[in-house]
């Protein structure tokens, strides 16, 4: 098995360009199902989940051409086929696929998930589909959603959830009448999807606010759309620069999308300069401890809770991270403790005392979020660290190894001894 050898303790320096948003890409791809005309998505990152999505679309009858950073989807031959949970469940956006197929064909069938976590996420979306007039039928090991005609409705989301908001948008744009989504997510990725759907002919108002209104259409057209930059990738590099106490210019970004991260790093002591489409960061010798609370956009992203936990091992004092998300992961707390971090979990708050010298060892990661935390830890460790299954990073970040090496990180693939 190949692994990565990381020799940490090197400040990152230079320039890095951010790829197109993974979350926008995985949300935008299912929009192609809603039209019979070609959909062209530009600034698409080359990551494993995008490639996996292409295979699923091809199974459904579409033709896909991924050239450079542009993905063209020819959707005139789409077929409504049974979905395999084994094939789609590893996609973070598979519920968008369900919503788009329901909207397009008035029916979709999928193997009923056995995972409690997956079923919980599904139930959250089914409430919205039912409100729009869909019937939910459990039969043997399968789940069928049917609707002779989806009808607009007023829907209040218990949480300002991005996934649920986008799923409802996909069903509402093809429903008759008006749909009002209250407590909608304000994420830039939601706005990006709305921009795409609007270009396809949908009538949507209020994206970026907590109330979105949708007037359904019988037919949508194809479109060309350029995805926004990946704010989570940019935030990861910002945290990596701060942790290694380096100096880097992060380019091809929308700084407004990163204001929560920028504010917290400045509060710690990181020196930051913001331009129109770039941010320059410079680390300092000692960081002040702070308290981070994750929150839906425009708050601090849950997806960056893990790497900033590793950064807090280098602050001078006690830092706290409080996770708002019910499904927030804390596996990295145990892993960082194994590396020598003075860290504990109290309810949904992580308490980190620093600074501490992290000790390198052989570690295996099993989830992208944990991988992000341990990669930051490896970059600051004074000892060489071997990481197994580092390929998990390929599912979320384009050319991540080349980008980090380009900033001076000492990393390379090695064979198992």
Protein backbone atom coordinates (compact mmCIF):
# COMPACT_ATOMS: atom_id res chain seq x y z
CA UNK A 1 0.00 0.00 0.00
CA UNK A 2 1.31 3.45 -0.88
CA UNK A 3 1.34 6.14 1.76
CA UNK A 4 2.47 9.71 2.14
CA UNK A 5 5.62 10.68 4.02
CA UNK A 6 5.30 14.17 5.45
CA UNK A 7 8.27 15.95 6.99
CA UNK A 8 6.69 18.85 8.83
CA UNK A 9 7.98 21.98 10.49
CA UNK A 10 8.36 23.87 7.20
CA UNK A 11 6.57 27.23 6.80
CA UNK A 12 4.42 27.32 3.66
CA UNK A 13 5.39 30.13 1.29
CA UNK A 14 4.35 31.31 -2.15
CA UNK A 15 1.10 31.50 -4.14
CA UNK A 16 -1.71 28.97 -4.51
CA UNK A 17 -4.74 29.04 -6.80
CA UNK A 18 -8.07 27.71 -5.57
CA UNK A 19 -10.12 25.30 -7.69
CA UNK A 20 -13.83 25.40 -8.43
CA UNK A 21 -16.14 24.57 -5.57
CA UNK A 22 -16.64 20.87 -4.88
CA UNK A 23 -19.99 21.51 -3.17
CA UNK A 24 -21.20 23.69 -6.04
CA UNK A 25 -20.10 21.11 -8.59
CA UNK A 26 -21.88 18.23 -6.87
CA UNK A 27 -24.99 20.38 -6.46
CA UNK A 28 -24.95 21.69 -10.03
CA UNK A 29 -24.42 18.40 -11.88
CA UNK A 30 -27.94 17.02 -11.11
CA UNK A 31 -29.46 20.16 -12.67
CA UNK A 32 -28.65 18.63 -16.05
CA UNK A 33 -31.42 16.08 -15.40
CA UNK A 34 -34.05 18.85 -15.49
CA UNK A 35 -33.46 19.72 -19.16
CA UNK A 36 -33.16 17.93 -22.50
CA UNK A 37 -30.51 20.37 -23.72
CA UNK A 38 -26.75 20.27 -23.03
CA UNK A 39 -25.51 21.73 -19.75
CA UNK A 40 -21.96 23.08 -19.63
CA UNK A 41 -20.35 23.55 -16.23
CA UNK A 42 -17.03 25.40 -16.12
CA UNK A 43 -14.44 25.60 -13.34
CA UNK A 44 -15.28 22.00 -12.42
CA UNK A 45 -12.66 20.50 -10.07
CA UNK A 46 -11.07 17.20 -11.08
CA UNK A 47 -11.90 15.19 -7.99
CA UNK A 48 -13.09 11.62 -7.48
CA UNK A 49 -16.68 12.52 -6.55
CA UNK A 50 -17.16 14.37 -9.85
CA UNK A 51 -15.86 11.33 -11.74
CA UNK A 52 -18.20 9.07 -9.77
CA UNK A 53 -21.14 11.34 -10.57
CA UNK A 54 -20.33 11.11 -14.27
CA UNK A 55 -20.57 7.31 -14.08
CA UNK A 56 -24.01 7.53 -12.46
CA UNK A 57 -25.25 9.99 -15.10
CA UNK A 58 -23.97 7.69 -17.81
CA UNK A 59 -25.86 4.81 -16.19
CA UNK A 60 -28.96 7.00 -16.43
CA UNK A 61 -28.37 7.55 -20.14
CA UNK A 62 -26.44 10.82 -20.29
CA UNK A 63 -23.24 11.48 -22.20
CA UNK A 64 -20.50 13.41 -20.36
CA UNK A 65 -17.37 15.09 -21.68
CA UNK A 66 -14.90 16.35 -19.07
CA UNK A 67 -12.23 18.40 -20.82
CA UNK A 68 -9.81 20.57 -18.89
CA UNK A 69 -12.03 22.17 -16.22
CA UNK A 70 -15.26 22.05 -18.23
CA UNK A 71 -17.94 19.34 -17.96
CA UNK A 72 -20.55 19.05 -20.71
CA UNK A 73 -23.59 16.88 -20.01
CA UNK A 74 -25.88 15.77 -22.86
CA UNK A 75 -29.14 14.88 -21.18
CA UNK A 76 -31.58 14.18 -24.02
CA UNK A 77 -31.35 10.41 -23.44
CA UNK A 78 -31.91 10.34 -19.67
CA UNK A 79 -33.77 7.27 -18.38
CA UNK A 80 -35.42 6.82 -15.00
CA UNK A 81 -33.59 3.73 -13.71
CA UNK A 82 -33.49 2.14 -10.27
CA UNK A 83 -30.70 3.62 -8.16
CA UNK A 84 -28.36 1.44 -6.16
CA UNK A 85 -27.67 2.73 -2.66
CA UNK A 86 -24.21 1.15 -2.82
CA UNK A 87 -23.37 3.30 -5.85
CA UNK A 88 -24.82 6.63 -4.70
CA UNK A 89 -24.42 6.70 -0.91
CA UNK A 90 -20.74 7.60 -1.06
CA UNK A 91 -21.69 10.79 -2.90
CA UNK A 92 -22.20 13.68 -0.52
CA UNK A 93 -24.88 15.00 -2.89
CA UNK A 94 -26.88 11.88 -3.79
CA UNK A 95 -30.08 13.39 -2.38
CA UNK A 96 -29.94 16.11 -5.06
CA UNK A 97 -30.02 13.31 -7.62
CA UNK A 98 -33.14 11.91 -5.99
CA UNK A 99 -34.84 15.33 -6.06
CA UNK A 100 -33.97 16.03 -9.69
CA UNK A 101 -35.21 12.62 -10.89
CA UNK A 102 -38.47 13.06 -8.97
CA UNK A 103 -38.96 16.50 -10.53
CA UNK A 104 -38.16 15.30 -14.06
CA UNK A 105 -40.00 11.97 -14.18
CA UNK A 106 -42.52 12.20 -11.34
CA UNK A 107 -41.09 9.00 -9.93
CA UNK A 108 -37.82 7.69 -8.54
CA UNK A 109 -36.87 4.42 -6.84
CA UNK A 110 -33.86 3.56 -4.72
CA UNK A 111 -32.74 0.77 -2.45
CA UNK A 112 -33.78 1.58 1.10
CA UNK A 113 -30.69 2.61 3.10
CA UNK A 114 -29.72 0.51 6.11
CA UNK A 115 -27.37 3.10 7.60
CA UNK A 116 -29.00 5.08 10.42
CA UNK A 117 -27.02 8.17 9.46
CA UNK A 118 -28.12 8.00 5.81
CA UNK A 119 -31.75 7.31 6.74
CA UNK A 120 -31.74 10.30 9.07
CA UNK A 121 -30.54 12.59 6.26
CA UNK A 122 -33.09 11.07 3.89
CA UNK A 123 -36.00 11.63 6.31
CA UNK A 124 -35.09 15.32 6.46
CA UNK A 125 -35.55 15.58 2.67
CA UNK A 126 -38.62 13.37 2.46
CA UNK A 127 -40.56 15.88 4.55
CA UNK A 128 -40.00 18.50 1.88
CA UNK A 129 -40.88 16.15 -0.97
CA UNK A 130 -44.13 15.19 0.80
CA UNK A 131 -45.01 18.87 1.30
CA UNK A 132 -44.75 19.32 -2.48
CA UNK A 133 -47.16 16.45 -3.08
CA UNK A 134 -44.91 13.41 -3.45
CA UNK A 135 -46.00 10.04 -2.08
CA UNK A 136 -43.43 7.92 -0.28
CA UNK A 137 -43.86 4.16 -0.69
CA UNK A 138 -41.72 1.60 1.14
CA UNK A 139 -41.86 -1.72 -0.66
CA UNK A 140 -39.63 -4.69 0.14
CA UNK A 141 -36.09 -3.29 0.20
CA UNK A 142 -36.91 -0.31 -1.99
CA UNK A 143 -38.15 3.24 -1.53
CA UNK A 144 -40.32 4.81 -4.23
CA UNK A 145 -41.25 8.46 -4.55
CA UNK A 146 -44.11 9.27 -6.88
CA UNK A 147 -46.00 12.42 -7.84
CA UNK A 148 -48.50 12.87 -10.64
CA UNK A 149 -47.93 16.60 -10.26
CA UNK A 150 -45.68 18.35 -7.77
CA UNK A 151 -47.46 21.38 -6.33
CA UNK A 152 -45.94 24.46 -4.76
CA UNK A 153 -46.14 24.83 -0.98
CA UNK A 154 -44.84 26.87 1.93
CA UNK A 155 -42.08 24.89 3.63
CA UNK A 156 -40.22 25.77 6.82
CA UNK A 157 -36.86 24.08 7.35
CA UNK A 158 -36.09 23.16 10.95
CA UNK A 159 -32.42 23.89 10.22
CA UNK A 160 -30.96 26.25 7.64
CA UNK A 161 -29.57 23.21 5.86
CA UNK A 162 -27.83 23.64 2.51
CA UNK A 163 -28.57 20.12 1.30
CA UNK A 164 -32.29 20.32 2.08
CA UNK A 165 -32.54 23.80 0.53
CA UNK A 166 -30.98 22.66 -2.76
CA UNK A 167 -33.10 19.49 -2.91
CA UNK A 168 -36.25 21.57 -2.48
CA UNK A 169 -35.09 23.95 -5.20
CA UNK A 170 -34.76 21.05 -7.65
CA UNK A 171 -38.28 19.83 -6.95
CA UNK A 172 -39.86 23.29 -6.69
CA UNK A 173 -38.60 24.55 -10.07
CA UNK A 174 -40.72 21.88 -11.79
CA UNK A 175 -43.73 22.10 -9.44
CA UNK A 176 -46.89 23.97 -10.39
CA UNK A 177 -47.47 27.25 -8.59
CA UNK A 178 -45.31 29.00 -6.01
CA UNK A 179 -43.07 27.41 -3.40
CA UNK A 180 -41.79 29.39 -0.43
CA UNK A 181 -38.78 27.98 1.43
CA UNK A 182 -38.42 29.56 4.87
CA UNK A 183 -35.27 29.36 6.99
CA UNK A 184 -33.43 28.54 3.77
CA UNK A 185 -29.66 28.16 3.77
CA UNK A 186 -27.75 31.26 2.67
CA UNK A 187 -24.60 29.46 1.53
CA UNK A 188 -22.77 30.73 -1.56
CA UNK A 189 -23.28 27.26 -3.06
CA UNK A 190 -27.07 27.74 -2.81
CA UNK A 191 -26.75 31.08 -4.61
CA UNK A 192 -24.54 29.41 -7.22
CA UNK A 193 -27.14 26.72 -7.91
CA UNK A 194 -29.89 29.34 -8.11
CA UNK A 195 -27.79 31.27 -10.65
CA UNK A 196 -27.50 28.12 -12.75
CA UNK A 197 -31.23 27.32 -12.49
CA UNK A 198 -32.12 30.92 -13.34
CA UNK A 199 -29.92 30.70 -16.43
CA UNK A 200 -31.87 27.55 -17.32
CA UNK A 201 -35.12 29.53 -17.20
CA UNK A 202 -36.25 28.99 -13.60
CA UNK A 203 -37.99 31.83 -11.74
CA UNK A 204 -36.38 32.10 -8.30
CA UNK A 205 -36.10 35.07 -5.93
CA UNK A 206 -34.41 35.50 -2.58
CA UNK A 207 -31.28 33.36 -2.93
CA UNK A 208 -28.81 34.34 -0.22
CA UNK A 209 -31.61 35.25 2.20
CA UNK A 210 -33.58 33.04 4.59
CA UNK A 211 -36.72 33.11 2.39
CA UNK A 212 -36.56 31.78 -1.18
CA UNK A 213 -39.54 31.95 -3.53
CA UNK A 214 -39.82 29.66 -6.54
CA UNK A 215 -42.38 29.83 -9.35
CA UNK A 216 -42.45 26.48 -11.12
CA UNK A 217 -41.90 25.98 -14.85
CA UNK A 218 -42.93 23.11 -17.10
CA UNK A 219 -39.68 23.14 -18.99
CA UNK A 220 -36.08 24.29 -18.47
CA UNK A 221 -33.33 24.80 -21.03
CA UNK A 222 -29.64 23.97 -21.02
CA UNK A 223 -27.09 26.52 -19.90
CA UNK A 224 -23.43 27.47 -19.57
CA UNK A 225 -22.38 28.21 -16.01
CA UNK A 226 -19.06 28.91 -14.25
CA UNK A 227 -18.84 27.61 -10.70
CA UNK A 228 -17.66 29.74 -7.78
CA UNK A 229 -14.27 29.04 -6.16
CA UNK A 230 -14.12 26.51 -3.33
CA UNK A 231 -14.30 28.45 -0.05
CA UNK A 232 -13.62 25.30 2.00
CA UNK A 233 -10.44 24.53 0.05
CA UNK A 234 -9.37 28.16 0.46
CA UNK A 235 -10.11 28.02 4.19
CA UNK A 236 -8.03 24.86 4.53
CA UNK A 237 -5.00 26.55 2.96
CA UNK A 238 -5.52 29.63 5.14
CA UNK A 239 -5.41 27.43 8.25
CA UNK A 240 -2.40 25.49 6.92
CA UNK A 241 -0.46 28.72 6.36
CA UNK A 242 -1.29 29.94 9.87
CA UNK A 243 -0.37 26.57 11.43
CA UNK A 244 3.04 26.43 9.72
CA UNK A 245 3.58 30.17 10.37
CA UNK A 246 4.26 30.78 6.71
CA UNK A 247 3.39 33.50 4.21
CA UNK A 248 1.15 32.73 1.22
CA UNK A 249 -1.10 34.54 -1.24
CA UNK A 250 -4.29 32.56 -1.90
CA UNK A 251 -5.67 33.43 -5.33
CA UNK A 252 -8.82 32.92 -7.42
CA UNK A 253 -11.19 33.28 -4.48
CA UNK A 254 -14.17 35.37 -3.39
CA UNK A 255 -12.93 36.90 -0.10
CA UNK A 256 -16.48 37.69 1.10
CA UNK A 257 -17.14 33.94 1.30
CA UNK A 258 -14.28 33.60 3.80
CA UNK A 259 -15.04 36.46 6.17
CA UNK A 260 -15.77 34.22 9.17
CA UNK A 261 -12.48 32.36 8.75
CA UNK A 262 -10.55 35.56 8.12
CA UNK A 263 -12.00 37.20 11.24
CA UNK A 264 -11.06 34.28 13.49
CA UNK A 265 -7.51 34.03 12.15
CA UNK A 266 -7.01 37.78 12.65
CA UNK A 267 -8.34 37.38 16.20
CA UNK A 268 -5.60 34.79 16.79
CA UNK A 269 -2.95 37.15 15.49
CA UNK A 270 -2.46 36.09 11.87
CA UNK A 271 -1.54 39.04 9.64
CA UNK A 272 -4.00 39.19 6.74
CA UNK A 273 -4.38 41.48 3.72
CA UNK A 274 -7.49 41.13 1.53
CA UNK A 275 -7.70 42.00 -2.17
CA UNK A 276 -10.44 41.72 -4.78
CA UNK A 277 -9.80 38.04 -5.55
CA UNK A 278 -6.95 37.15 -3.21
CA UNK A 279 -5.91 36.99 0.44
CA UNK A 280 -2.36 37.25 1.76
CA UNK A 281 -1.63 35.59 5.08
CA UNK A 282 1.45 35.79 7.28
CA UNK A 283 1.87 33.74 10.42
CA UNK A 284 3.49 34.97 13.65
CA UNK A 285 5.50 33.24 16.40
CA UNK A 286 2.75 33.12 19.05
CA UNK A 287 -1.00 32.93 18.60
CA UNK A 288 -3.66 33.99 21.08
CA UNK A 289 -6.31 31.41 22.09
CA UNK A 290 -9.85 32.00 20.79
CA UNK A 291 -13.32 30.42 20.82
CA UNK A 292 -14.80 29.28 17.50
CA UNK A 293 -18.47 28.37 17.14
CA UNK A 294 -19.43 26.67 13.90
CA UNK A 295 -22.65 27.93 12.37
CA UNK A 296 -24.46 27.90 9.02
CA UNK A 297 -23.17 30.46 6.51
CA UNK A 298 -22.17 33.23 7.01
CA UNK A 299 -20.85 31.65 10.22
CA UNK A 300 -17.69 29.58 10.62
CA UNK A 301 -18.04 26.41 8.48
CA UNK A 302 -18.41 22.99 10.09
CA UNK A 303 -16.15 21.66 7.30
CA UNK A 304 -13.24 23.68 8.75
CA UNK A 305 -13.78 22.66 12.36
CA UNK A 306 -11.30 19.78 12.00
CA UNK A 307 -8.25 21.62 10.57
CA UNK A 308 -8.64 24.58 12.93
CA UNK A 309 -8.62 22.13 15.84
CA UNK A 310 -5.10 21.14 14.77
CA UNK A 311 -4.13 24.80 14.45
CA UNK A 312 -5.26 25.36 18.05
CA UNK A 313 -2.61 22.92 19.28
CA UNK A 314 -0.14 25.69 18.38
CA UNK A 315 -1.85 28.56 20.24
CA UNK A 316 -0.58 29.96 23.52
CA UNK A 317 -3.38 28.98 25.93
CA UNK A 318 -6.79 27.31 25.90
CA UNK A 319 -8.87 27.45 22.72
CA UNK A 320 -12.41 26.16 22.25
CA UNK A 321 -14.35 24.88 19.25
CA UNK A 322 -18.11 24.42 19.69
CA UNK A 323 -19.81 22.39 16.97
CA UNK A 324 -23.43 23.28 16.22
CA UNK A 325 -24.12 20.51 13.70
CA UNK A 326 -25.84 17.46 15.15
CA UNK A 327 -23.91 15.18 12.80
CA UNK A 328 -20.58 16.87 13.47
CA UNK A 329 -17.64 14.48 13.59
CA UNK A 330 -15.17 14.37 16.48
CA UNK A 331 -13.01 11.39 15.49
CA UNK A 332 -10.03 13.72 15.00
CA UNK A 333 -10.00 14.53 18.73
CA UNK A 334 -8.86 11.01 19.59
CA UNK A 335 -6.37 10.94 16.72
CA UNK A 336 -4.81 14.26 17.73
CA UNK A 337 -4.55 13.04 21.32
CA UNK A 338 -2.50 10.09 20.01
CA UNK A 339 -0.13 12.61 18.42
CA UNK A 340 0.44 14.35 21.75
CA UNK A 341 -2.19 17.09 21.66
CA UNK A 342 -3.59 18.28 25.00
CA UNK A 343 -7.20 18.01 23.90
CA UNK A 344 -10.54 16.83 25.24
CA UNK A 345 -14.18 16.77 24.22
CA UNK A 346 -16.86 18.17 26.53
CA UNK A 347 -20.36 17.64 25.09
CA UNK A 348 -20.05 19.36 21.68
CA UNK A 349 -17.11 21.57 22.61
CA UNK A 350 -13.48 20.68 21.93
CA UNK A 351 -11.00 22.09 24.46
CA UNK A 352 -7.40 22.46 23.24
CA UNK A 353 -4.49 23.58 25.44
CA UNK A 354 -1.37 24.72 23.62
CA UNK A 355 1.17 25.03 22.43
CA UNK A 356 2.14 21.38 22.16
CA UNK A 357 4.80 19.57 20.14
CA UNK A 358 3.01 16.98 18.01
CA UNK A 359 4.89 13.72 17.63
CA UNK A 360 4.91 11.97 14.27
CA UNK A 361 3.88 8.34 13.85
CA UNK A 362 2.14 6.06 11.39
CA UNK A 363 -1.55 6.91 11.15
CA UNK A 364 -4.45 5.75 9.01
CA UNK A 365 -7.31 8.10 8.15
CA UNK A 366 -10.82 6.92 7.34
CA UNK A 367 -12.71 10.13 6.58
CA UNK A 368 -12.00 13.38 4.73
CA UNK A 369 -12.70 15.55 7.78
CA UNK A 370 -10.25 13.58 9.95
CA UNK A 371 -7.75 13.64 7.11
CA UNK A 372 -7.85 17.46 7.02
CA UNK A 373 -7.07 17.68 10.73
CA UNK A 374 -4.24 15.15 10.60
CA UNK A 375 -2.68 16.69 7.51
CA UNK A 376 -2.44 20.05 9.31
CA UNK A 377 -0.96 18.20 12.32
CA UNK A 378 1.60 16.53 10.06
CA UNK A 379 2.62 19.85 8.53
CA UNK A 380 3.49 21.27 11.97
CA UNK A 381 5.03 18.10 13.43
CA UNK A 382 8.79 18.10 13.90
CA UNK A 383 8.94 14.36 13.26
CA UNK A 384 8.30 12.57 9.98
CA UNK A 385 4.75 11.27 9.74
CA UNK A 386 3.45 8.46 7.53
CA UNK A 387 -0.20 8.71 6.55
CA UNK A 388 -2.10 5.76 5.09
CA UNK A 389 -5.20 6.25 2.92
CA UNK A 390 -4.23 9.86 2.22
CA UNK A 391 -5.94 9.30 -1.17
CA UNK A 392 -9.18 10.19 0.66
CA UNK A 393 -8.08 13.78 0.08
CA UNK A 394 -8.57 13.23 -3.67
CA UNK A 395 -12.33 13.09 -3.14
CA UNK A 396 -12.48 16.72 -2.04
CA UNK A 397 -9.41 18.61 -3.19
CA UNK A 398 -7.97 19.00 -6.68
CA UNK A 399 -4.18 18.61 -7.09
CA UNK A 400 -3.75 19.03 -3.33
CA UNK A 401 -0.35 17.33 -3.18
CA UNK A 402 1.07 19.42 -6.02
CA UNK A 403 -0.30 22.60 -4.45
CA UNK A 404 1.20 21.91 -1.02
CA UNK A 405 4.55 20.84 -2.48
CA UNK A 406 4.49 24.02 -4.56
CA UNK A 407 4.26 25.96 -1.30
CA UNK A 408 7.33 24.18 0.08
CA UNK A 409 5.74 21.29 1.99
CA UNK A 410 7.98 18.24 2.14
CA UNK A 411 5.63 15.46 1.10
CA UNK A 412 5.93 12.45 -1.16
CA UNK A 413 4.39 9.07 -1.89
CA UNK A 414 6.38 6.14 -0.51
CA UNK A 415 5.92 2.38 -0.51
CA UNK A 416 5.20 0.50 2.69
CA UNK A 417 8.38 -0.73 4.37
